C-alpha cells in the first residue's frame, strides 16, 4: 500500500516518520509549514542567490576596472598611481 497525504491548505509538510515505522490511523507523522512560512523560505533562498550574483558581478567589474587602468597606464594615457608611502610634492 502506498501512503497518500491530503491537505486542505497549501504549504509544506515535513514527514517525521520513515518507511517501516509503525503508525496508527489518525496519527499525523509530520510537521506542517504554513504557506506564508514556505513562501518566506523561498524568498530567503532567492535573496541568497541574488547576493551571490551581486558579489560575482562586483568582482567582475573590479577586475575589468583594474584591466582598464593597466591598459591606460601601459599606453601612456595616464600616469602610474602614487603609492601612499611616496613623498608628496611641496606646495
Protein backbone atom coordinates (compact mmCIF):
# COMPACT_ATOMS: atom_id res chain seq x y z
CA UNK A 1 0.00 0.00 0.00
CA UNK A 2 1.36 3.42 -0.96
CA UNK A 3 0.74 6.17 1.60
CA UNK A 4 -1.17 9.23 0.45
CA UNK A 5 -1.23 12.54 2.25
CA UNK A 6 -4.05 15.00 1.66
CA UNK A 7 -4.16 18.60 2.85
CA UNK A 8 -6.86 21.25 2.80
CA UNK A 9 -4.35 24.14 2.59
CA UNK A 10 -1.23 24.97 0.63
CA UNK A 11 2.06 24.57 2.44
CA UNK A 12 4.91 22.17 3.04
CA UNK A 13 4.81 19.04 5.13
CA UNK A 14 7.98 17.51 6.54
CA UNK A 15 7.48 13.86 7.39
CA UNK A 16 8.74 12.79 10.80
CA UNK A 17 8.19 9.09 10.18
CA UNK A 18 10.21 6.82 7.96
CA UNK A 19 9.43 3.79 5.85
CA UNK A 20 8.81 0.87 8.19
CA UNK A 21 7.79 2.98 11.21
CA UNK A 22 4.62 1.91 12.95
CA UNK A 23 1.83 4.48 12.88
CA UNK A 24 -1.82 4.29 13.80
CA UNK A 25 -4.79 5.60 11.88
CA UNK A 26 -5.36 9.27 12.58
CA UNK A 27 -1.80 9.89 13.74
CA UNK A 28 -0.11 12.73 11.91
CA UNK A 29 3.56 11.93 11.42
CA UNK A 30 4.67 15.27 10.11
CA UNK A 31 5.12 18.93 10.80
CA UNK A 32 3.10 21.33 8.67
CA UNK A 33 4.65 24.52 7.41
CA UNK A 34 2.22 27.28 6.53
CA UNK A 35 2.05 28.75 3.06
CA UNK A 36 3.41 32.07 4.35
CA UNK A 37 6.36 30.38 6.07
CA UNK A 38 7.07 28.33 2.96
CA UNK A 39 6.97 31.48 0.81
CA UNK A 40 9.30 33.26 3.23
CA UNK A 41 11.78 30.38 2.96
CA UNK A 42 11.60 30.57 -0.84
CA UNK A 43 12.25 34.31 -0.79
CA UNK A 44 15.22 33.86 1.57
CA UNK A 45 16.73 31.36 -0.88
CA UNK A 46 16.11 33.79 -3.76
CA UNK A 47 17.79 36.59 -1.79
CA UNK A 48 20.82 34.40 -1.07
CA UNK A 49 21.14 33.63 -4.79
CA UNK A 50 20.86 37.30 -5.72
CA UNK A 51 23.55 38.22 -3.19
CA UNK A 52 25.90 35.70 -4.79
CA UNK A 53 25.11 37.11 -8.25
CA UNK A 54 25.76 40.66 -6.98
CA UNK A 55 29.09 39.63 -5.41
CA UNK A 56 30.14 37.89 -8.62
CA UNK A 57 29.22 40.97 -10.70
CA UNK A 58 31.12 43.24 -8.30
CA UNK A 59 34.24 41.09 -8.59
CA UNK A 60 33.93 41.06 -12.37
CA UNK A 61 33.54 44.85 -12.51
CA UNK A 62 36.58 45.36 -10.25
CA UNK A 63 38.68 43.04 -12.43
CA UNK A 64 37.63 44.96 -15.56
CA UNK A 65 38.45 48.31 -13.92
CA UNK A 66 41.89 47.01 -12.98
CA UNK A 67 42.48 45.82 -16.54
CA UNK A 68 41.36 49.19 -17.92
CA UNK A 69 43.65 51.11 -15.55
CA UNK A 70 46.59 48.90 -16.52
CA UNK A 71 45.85 49.39 -20.22
CA UNK A 72 45.66 53.18 -19.79
CA UNK A 73 48.94 53.21 -17.87
CA UNK A 74 50.65 50.97 -20.44
CA UNK A 75 49.54 53.19 -23.33
CA UNK A 76 50.59 56.37 -21.55
CA UNK A 77 47.12 57.85 -21.32
CA UNK A 78 47.52 58.17 -17.55
CA UNK A 79 50.48 58.06 -15.20
CA UNK A 80 51.10 55.40 -12.62
CA UNK A 81 49.22 56.00 -9.38
CA UNK A 82 51.31 57.23 -6.49
CA UNK A 83 51.65 54.90 -3.56
CA UNK A 84 50.58 56.10 -0.14
CA UNK A 85 54.20 55.97 1.06
CA UNK A 86 55.61 58.07 -1.82
CA UNK A 87 56.75 61.56 -0.87
CA UNK A 88 54.27 64.28 -1.80
CA UNK A 89 55.47 67.37 -3.71
CA UNK A 90 55.90 70.55 -1.65
CA UNK A 91 53.43 73.34 -2.33
